[in-house]
Protein backbone atom coordinates (compact mmCIF):
# COMPACT_ATOMS: atom_id res chain seq x y z
CA MET A 1 -21.25 -28.11 -31.96
CA LYS A 2 -18.47 -29.06 -29.55
CA THR A 3 -15.99 -26.89 -31.44
CA LYS A 4 -18.19 -23.81 -31.13
CA LEU A 5 -18.71 -24.46 -27.43
CA LEU A 6 -14.98 -24.91 -26.86
CA LYS A 7 -14.25 -21.68 -28.74
CA ARG A 8 -16.76 -19.78 -26.58
CA ILE A 9 -15.29 -21.22 -23.39
CA ALA A 10 -11.76 -20.34 -24.53
CA THR A 11 -12.82 -16.79 -25.42
CA LEU A 12 -14.52 -16.32 -22.06
CA ALA A 13 -11.50 -17.71 -20.19
CA LEU A 14 -9.15 -15.40 -22.09
CA ALA A 15 -11.35 -12.37 -21.43
CA THR A 16 -11.51 -13.21 -17.72
CA ALA A 17 -7.75 -13.73 -17.47
CA THR A 18 -7.11 -10.42 -19.22
CA THR A 19 -9.46 -8.60 -16.84
CA PHE A 20 -7.71 -9.94 -13.74
CA ALA A 21 -4.23 -9.54 -15.19
CA SER A 22 -4.55 -5.79 -15.75
CA ALA A 23 -2.99 -3.67 -13.04
CA ALA A 24 -4.96 -1.85 -10.38
CA SER A 25 -4.03 1.83 -10.25
CA LEU A 26 -4.64 3.54 -6.90
CA GLU A 27 -3.92 7.06 -5.68
CA ILE A 28 -3.74 8.33 -2.11
CA THR A 29 -2.50 11.53 -0.45
CA GLY A 30 -1.29 12.60 2.98
CA ASN A 31 -1.56 16.10 4.45
CA ASP A 32 -0.42 18.42 7.25
CA THR A 33 -3.22 17.26 9.56
CA MET A 34 -1.70 13.76 9.50
CA ARG A 35 -4.52 12.26 7.45
CA PHE A 36 -4.71 10.08 4.38
CA ASP A 37 -7.48 11.17 2.01
CA LYS A 38 -8.73 7.56 1.88
CA ALA A 39 -9.23 5.12 4.74
CA GLU A 40 -9.83 2.17 2.43
CA LEU A 41 -8.34 0.95 -0.83
CA GLU A 42 -9.15 -2.18 -2.84
CA THR A 43 -7.34 -4.57 -5.18
CA ASN A 44 -7.47 -8.23 -6.19
CA ALA A 45 -5.21 -11.06 -5.06
CA GLY A 46 -2.60 -11.80 -7.70
CA GLN A 47 -3.16 -8.48 -9.45
CA GLU A 48 -0.26 -6.10 -9.95
CA THR A 49 -1.12 -3.01 -7.93
CA THR A 50 0.27 0.45 -8.58
CA VAL A 51 -0.08 3.02 -5.81
CA THR A 52 0.82 6.66 -6.28
CA PHE A 53 1.25 8.45 -2.96
CA LYS A 54 1.56 12.24 -2.73
CA ASN A 55 2.28 14.51 0.23
CA VAL A 56 -0.12 17.41 -0.40
CA GLY A 57 0.96 19.28 2.72
CA SER A 58 3.15 22.38 2.95
CA LEU A 59 5.05 21.85 6.22
CA PRO A 60 8.75 20.88 5.99
CA LYS A 61 9.63 17.21 5.50
CA ALA A 62 11.63 17.14 8.76
CA ALA A 63 8.50 18.08 10.71
CA MET A 64 5.69 16.55 8.63
CA GLY A 65 7.13 14.02 6.19
CA HIS A 66 4.84 11.17 5.15
CA ASN A 67 5.20 7.72 3.64
CA PHE A 68 2.79 4.96 2.65
CA VAL A 69 3.49 1.53 4.14
CA VAL A 70 1.44 -1.61 3.46
CA LEU A 71 1.74 -4.26 6.17
CA LYS A 72 0.68 -7.88 6.47
CA PRO A 73 -2.63 -8.66 8.19
CA GLY A 74 -2.25 -9.01 11.94
CA THR A 75 0.79 -6.72 12.23
CA ASP A 76 1.09 -5.04 15.65
CA LEU A 77 0.72 -1.43 14.45
CA ALA A 78 1.81 0.15 17.74
CA GLY A 79 4.86 -2.11 17.90
CA PHE A 80 5.70 -1.38 14.28
CA GLY A 81 5.24 2.36 14.80
CA ASN A 82 7.50 2.35 17.85
CA ALA A 83 10.16 0.30 16.05
CA ALA A 84 9.99 2.71 13.10
CA ILE A 85 11.20 5.59 15.28
CA ALA A 86 14.65 3.97 15.43
CA ALA A 87 14.75 3.46 11.64
CA ALA A 88 15.16 7.07 10.48
CA GLY A 89 18.02 6.04 8.18
CA ASN A 90 15.75 3.53 6.42
CA GLU A 91 12.71 5.73 5.63
CA TYR A 92 11.29 4.81 9.08
CA ILE A 93 10.93 1.17 8.02
CA PRO A 94 12.20 -1.22 10.73
CA THR A 95 14.97 -3.58 9.66
CA GLU A 96 14.73 -5.78 12.75
CA GLU A 97 12.36 -8.70 13.25
CA PRO A 98 9.58 -9.27 13.87
CA PHE A 99 8.65 -6.11 11.97
CA ALA A 100 10.93 -6.21 8.91
CA SER A 101 9.10 -9.24 7.51
CA GLN A 102 5.69 -7.59 8.02
CA VAL A 103 6.27 -4.99 5.29
CA VAL A 104 4.56 -5.68 1.95
CA ALA A 105 5.48 -2.41 0.18
CA TYR A 106 6.39 1.18 1.03
CA THR A 107 7.31 4.57 -0.34
CA LYS A 108 10.15 6.72 0.88
CA VAL A 109 9.33 9.58 3.24
CA LEU A 110 8.07 12.48 1.12
CA GLY A 111 8.16 16.21 1.71
CA PRO A 112 5.55 18.75 0.60
CA GLY A 113 4.51 18.39 -3.03
CA GLU A 114 6.49 15.18 -3.55
CA SER A 115 5.01 11.95 -4.87
CA GLU A 116 6.16 8.40 -5.48
CA THR A 117 4.66 5.44 -7.31
CA ILE A 118 5.20 1.86 -6.13
CA ASN A 119 4.19 -1.47 -7.68
CA PHE A 120 3.51 -4.71 -5.84
CA THR A 121 1.42 -7.87 -6.03
CA ILE A 122 -0.32 -9.48 -3.05
CA THR A 123 -1.20 -13.12 -3.62
CA GLU A 124 -3.40 -13.80 -0.58
CA PRO A 125 -6.82 -12.19 0.02
CA GLY A 126 -7.21 -10.28 3.28
CA LYS A 127 -7.25 -6.93 5.04
CA TYR A 128 -3.80 -5.34 4.81
CA PRO A 129 -3.28 -2.31 7.06
CA PHE A 130 -1.50 0.72 5.64
CA ILE A 131 0.12 3.45 7.73
CA CYS A 132 2.50 6.38 7.65
CA SER A 133 5.50 5.28 9.71
CA PHE A 134 6.94 8.78 10.29
CA PRO A 135 7.32 9.03 14.10
CA GLY A 136 3.93 9.21 15.79
CA HIS A 137 1.90 9.37 12.59
CA TRP A 138 0.91 5.68 12.52
CA ALA A 139 -1.67 6.24 15.30
CA ILE A 140 -3.75 8.55 13.07
CA MET A 141 -2.55 7.90 9.52
CA GLN A 142 -3.82 4.42 8.86
CA GLY A 143 -6.27 2.55 6.71
CA VAL A 144 -6.98 -0.83 5.13
CA LEU A 145 -6.13 -2.25 1.72
CA HIS A 146 -8.82 -4.83 0.99
CA VAL A 147 -7.42 -7.63 -1.16
CA LYS A 148 -10.22 -9.73 -2.65
């Protein structure tokens, strides 16, 4: 009796671990009206997350490039966005503190029709803001990655 119960528990534990271990695959786009197609995304803490970001616009990259940047909860978005202006040589990702350590993951700046896939794992549950850090875009192009 105990052996059967232990086997059932082990099987259930293995099935649960396999479910949570599989990667989350998310897709999001940005366009010429400075909008992401999704304001909210969702993943689980400890789960490998794959995000494919695509610029579906047609305007030139120099004028309307977009990236996808996941930040830690509580990040000052306006401060980050302003600091990003000076980081053109680094995909508009600030290298100075306090903002450099607020970045969880990011894509490069993409031109029309370009896409990039990134992988990352967030270990703590929370609401992680995501933005486009191309100059001025952060104010409109933002959303929340819910990590459960």
